[in-house]
Amino acid sequence: AAERNYALARAAEQEARRLGEIEAELARAKRRREAKIIENRPQEAKIDENASTWTEKHKQRVAKLEAEKRAKLLNEQEELELPQTKIAASAFAALGAGENKILT
């Protein structure tokens, strides 16, 4: 009985070792496959190794573009308002001190 148990334990160890070797070979093959895919991707894709990195960078790019667009619109709005401000300032300066006029 002891010999039989020893033989079964030894067979189980060999089977576990064989399965471990198979899993290790599968993992090596997967890493080689992934490395080959990375080599064949365009340069930008090589930099962005995974989707979460790409997503975060995309969000940053969008935020930067929106900030630039907002700044551009504010500058354009200020340029449009500037002549009107000068006209209003000159009209206000034309009023003498103590004159009570309503500006409309």
C-alpha atoms as a PDB file:
ATOM      1  CA  ALA A   1       0.000   0.000   0.000  1.00  0.00           C
ATOM      2  CA  ALA A   2       2.846   2.375   0.845  1.00  0.00           C
ATOM      3  CA  GLU A   3       4.521   1.664  -2.489  1.00  0.00           C
ATOM      4  CA  ARG A   4       1.266   2.310  -4.305  1.00  0.00           C
ATOM      5  CA  ASN A   5       0.756   5.604  -2.437  1.00  0.00           C
ATOM      6  CA  TYR A   6       4.361   6.608  -3.203  1.00  0.00           C
ATOM      7  CA  ALA A   7       3.878   5.802  -6.880  1.00  0.00           C
ATOM      8  CA  LEU A   8       0.632   7.819  -6.973  1.00  0.00           C
ATOM      9  CA  ALA A   9       2.279  10.793  -5.225  1.00  0.00           C
ATOM     10  CA  ARG A  10       5.251  10.603  -7.590  1.00  0.00           C
ATOM     11  CA  ALA A  11       2.922  10.452 -10.616  1.00  0.00           C
ATOM     12  CA  ALA A  12       0.969  13.429  -9.272  1.00  0.00           C
ATOM     13  CA  GLU A  13       4.245  15.379  -8.818  1.00  0.00           C
ATOM     14  CA  GLN A  14       5.335  14.566 -12.357  1.00  0.00           C
ATOM     15  CA  GLU A  15       1.951  15.568 -13.729  1.00  0.00           C
ATOM     16  CA  ALA A  16       2.069  18.857 -11.788  1.00  0.00           C
ATOM     17  CA  ARG A  17       5.623  19.512 -13.041  1.00  0.00           C
ATOM     18  CA  ARG A  18       4.565  18.737 -16.619  1.00  0.00           C
ATOM     19  CA  LEU A  19       1.550  21.100 -16.310  1.00  0.00           C
ATOM     20  CA  GLY A  20       3.817  23.794 -14.846  1.00  0.00           C
ATOM     21  CA  GLU A  21       6.196  23.457 -17.800  1.00  0.00           C
ATOM     22  CA  ILE A  22       3.289  23.689 -20.243  1.00  0.00           C
ATOM     23  CA  GLU A  23       1.961  26.823 -18.494  1.00  0.00           C
ATOM     24  CA  ALA A  24       5.444  28.377 -18.517  1.00  0.00           C
ATOM     25  CA  GLU A  25       5.802  27.680 -22.254  1.00  0.00           C
ATOM     26  CA  LEU A  26       2.371  29.200 -22.911  1.00  0.00           C
ATOM     27  CA  ALA A  27       3.341  32.311 -20.922  1.00  0.00           C
ATOM     28  CA  ARG A  28       6.624  32.625 -22.898  1.00  0.00           C
ATOM     29  CA  ALA A  29       4.740  32.275 -26.179  1.00  0.00           C
ATOM     30  CA  LYS A  30       2.237  34.922 -25.085  1.00  0.00           C
ATOM     31  CA  ARG A  31       5.038  37.348 -24.150  1.00  0.00           C
ATOM     32  CA  ARG A  32       6.767  36.743 -27.517  1.00  0.00           C
ATOM     33  CA  ARG A  33       3.481  37.310 -29.345  1.00  0.00           C
ATOM     34  CA  GLU A  34       2.826  40.543 -27.422  1.00  0.00           C
ATOM     35  CA  ALA A  35       6.389  41.753 -28.067  1.00  0.00           C
ATOM     36  CA  LYS A  36       5.958  41.088 -31.789  1.00  0.00           C
ATOM     37  CA  ILE A  37       2.652  43.002 -31.818  1.00  0.00           C
ATOM     38  CA  ILE A  38       4.290  45.944 -30.028  1.00  0.00           C
ATOM     39  CA  GLU A  39       7.162  45.955 -32.542  1.00  0.00           C
ATOM     40  CA  ASN A  40       4.764  46.073 -35.475  1.00  0.00           C
ATOM     41  CA  ARG A  41       2.582  48.917 -34.126  1.00  0.00           C
ATOM     42  CA  PRO A  42       3.050  52.522 -35.218  1.00  0.00           C
ATOM     43  CA  GLN A  43       5.386  54.685 -33.136  1.00  0.00           C
ATOM     44  CA  GLU A  44       2.584  56.497 -31.262  1.00  0.00           C
ATOM     45  CA  ALA A  45       0.983  53.187 -30.332  1.00  0.00           C
ATOM     46  CA  LYS A  46       4.329  51.912 -29.015  1.00  0.00           C
ATOM     47  CA  ILE A  47       4.472  54.874 -26.667  1.00  0.00           C
ATOM     48  CA  ASP A  48       0.922  54.300 -25.430  1.00  0.00           C
ATOM     49  CA  GLU A  49       1.295  50.778 -24.114  1.00  0.00           C
ATOM     50  CA  ASN A  50      -2.265  50.252 -22.956  1.00  0.00           C
ATOM     51  CA  ALA A  51      -5.739  51.654 -23.354  1.00  0.00           C
ATOM     52  CA  SER A  52      -5.879  53.421 -19.993  1.00  0.00           C
ATOM     53  CA  THR A  53      -2.693  55.348 -20.754  1.00  0.00           C
ATOM     54  CA  TRP A  54      -4.059  56.320 -24.157  1.00  0.00           C
ATOM     55  CA  THR A  55      -7.395  57.350 -22.638  1.00  0.00           C
ATOM     56  CA  GLU A  56      -5.713  59.535 -20.027  1.00  0.00           C
ATOM     57  CA  LYS A  57      -3.507  61.200 -22.639  1.00  0.00           C
ATOM     58  CA  HIS A  58      -6.536  61.735 -24.886  1.00  0.00           C
ATOM     59  CA  LYS A  59      -8.432  63.430 -22.049  1.00  0.00           C
ATOM     60  CA  GLN A  60      -5.437  65.684 -21.427  1.00  0.00           C
ATOM     61  CA  ARG A  61      -5.189  66.576 -25.135  1.00  0.00           C
ATOM     62  CA  VAL A  62      -8.914  67.375 -25.292  1.00  0.00           C
ATOM     63  CA  ALA A  63      -8.712  69.527 -22.156  1.00  0.00           C
ATOM     64  CA  LYS A  64      -5.709  71.381 -23.594  1.00  0.00           C
ATOM     65  CA  LEU A  65      -7.496  72.004 -26.903  1.00  0.00           C
ATOM     66  CA  GLU A  66     -10.626  73.218 -25.095  1.00  0.00           C
ATOM     67  CA  ALA A  67      -8.538  75.589 -22.966  1.00  0.00           C
ATOM     68  CA  GLU A  68      -6.830  76.963 -26.077  1.00  0.00           C
ATOM     69  CA  LYS A  69     -10.173  77.400 -27.821  1.00  0.00           C
ATOM     70  CA  ARG A  70     -11.654  79.139 -24.764  1.00  0.00           C
ATOM     71  CA  ALA A  71      -8.649  81.491 -24.574  1.00  0.00           C
ATOM     72  CA  LYS A  72      -8.939  82.280 -28.276  1.00  0.00           C
ATOM     73  CA  LEU A  73     -12.658  83.076 -27.947  1.00  0.00           C
ATOM     74  CA  LEU A  74     -12.002  85.323 -24.949  1.00  0.00           C
ATOM     75  CA  ASN A  75      -9.301  87.191 -26.885  1.00  0.00           C
ATOM     76  CA  GLU A  76     -11.657  87.665 -29.840  1.00  0.00           C
ATOM     77  CA  GLN A  77     -14.422  88.873 -27.526  1.00  0.00           C
ATOM     78  CA  GLU A  78     -12.064  91.340 -25.841  1.00  0.00           C
ATOM     79  CA  GLU A  79     -10.951  92.642 -29.241  1.00  0.00           C
ATOM     80  CA  LEU A  80     -14.579  93.218 -30.216  1.00  0.00           C
ATOM     81  CA  GLU A  81     -15.429  94.939 -26.935  1.00  0.00           C
ATOM     82  CA  LEU A  82     -12.333  97.134 -26.831  1.00  0.00           C
ATOM     83  CA  PRO A  83     -13.530  99.793 -29.330  1.00  0.00           C
ATOM     84  CA  GLN A  84     -16.896 100.005 -27.571  1.00  0.00           C
ATOM     85  CA  THR A  85     -15.134 100.463 -24.243  1.00  0.00           C
ATOM     86  CA  LYS A  86     -13.016 103.293 -25.683  1.00  0.00           C
ATOM     87  CA  ILE A  87     -16.123 105.031 -27.046  1.00  0.00           C
ATOM     88  CA  ALA A  88     -17.900 104.702 -23.697  1.00  0.00           C
ATOM     89  CA  ALA A  89     -14.816 105.957 -21.844  1.00  0.00           C
ATOM     90  CA  SER A  90     -14.471 108.983 -24.104  1.00  0.00           C
ATOM     91  CA  ALA A  91     -18.189 109.771 -23.752  1.00  0.00           C
ATOM     92  CA  PHE A  92     -17.901 109.472 -19.988  1.00  0.00           C
ATOM     93  CA  ALA A  93     -14.816 111.702 -19.976  1.00  0.00           C
ATOM     94  CA  ALA A  94     -16.711 114.285 -22.014  1.00  0.00           C
ATOM     95  CA  LEU A  95     -19.135 114.711 -19.161  1.00  0.00           C
ATOM     96  CA  GLY A  96     -17.996 117.416 -16.894  1.00  0.00           C
ATOM     97  CA  ALA A  97     -17.847 117.014 -13.172  1.00  0.00           C
ATOM     98  CA  GLY A  98     -21.173 117.728 -11.570  1.00  0.00           C
ATOM     99  CA  GLU A  99     -23.226 117.281 -14.737  1.00  0.00           C
ATOM    100  CA  ASN A 100     -26.161 114.984 -14.216  1.00  0.00           C
ATOM    101  CA  LYS A 101     -26.773 113.122 -17.439  1.00  0.00           C
ATOM    102  CA  ILE A 102     -28.033 109.632 -17.964  1.00  0.00           C
ATOM    103  CA  LEU A 103     -25.992 107.533 -20.383  1.00  0.00           C
ATOM    104  CA  THR A 104     -28.067 105.275 -22.548  1.00  0.00           C
END
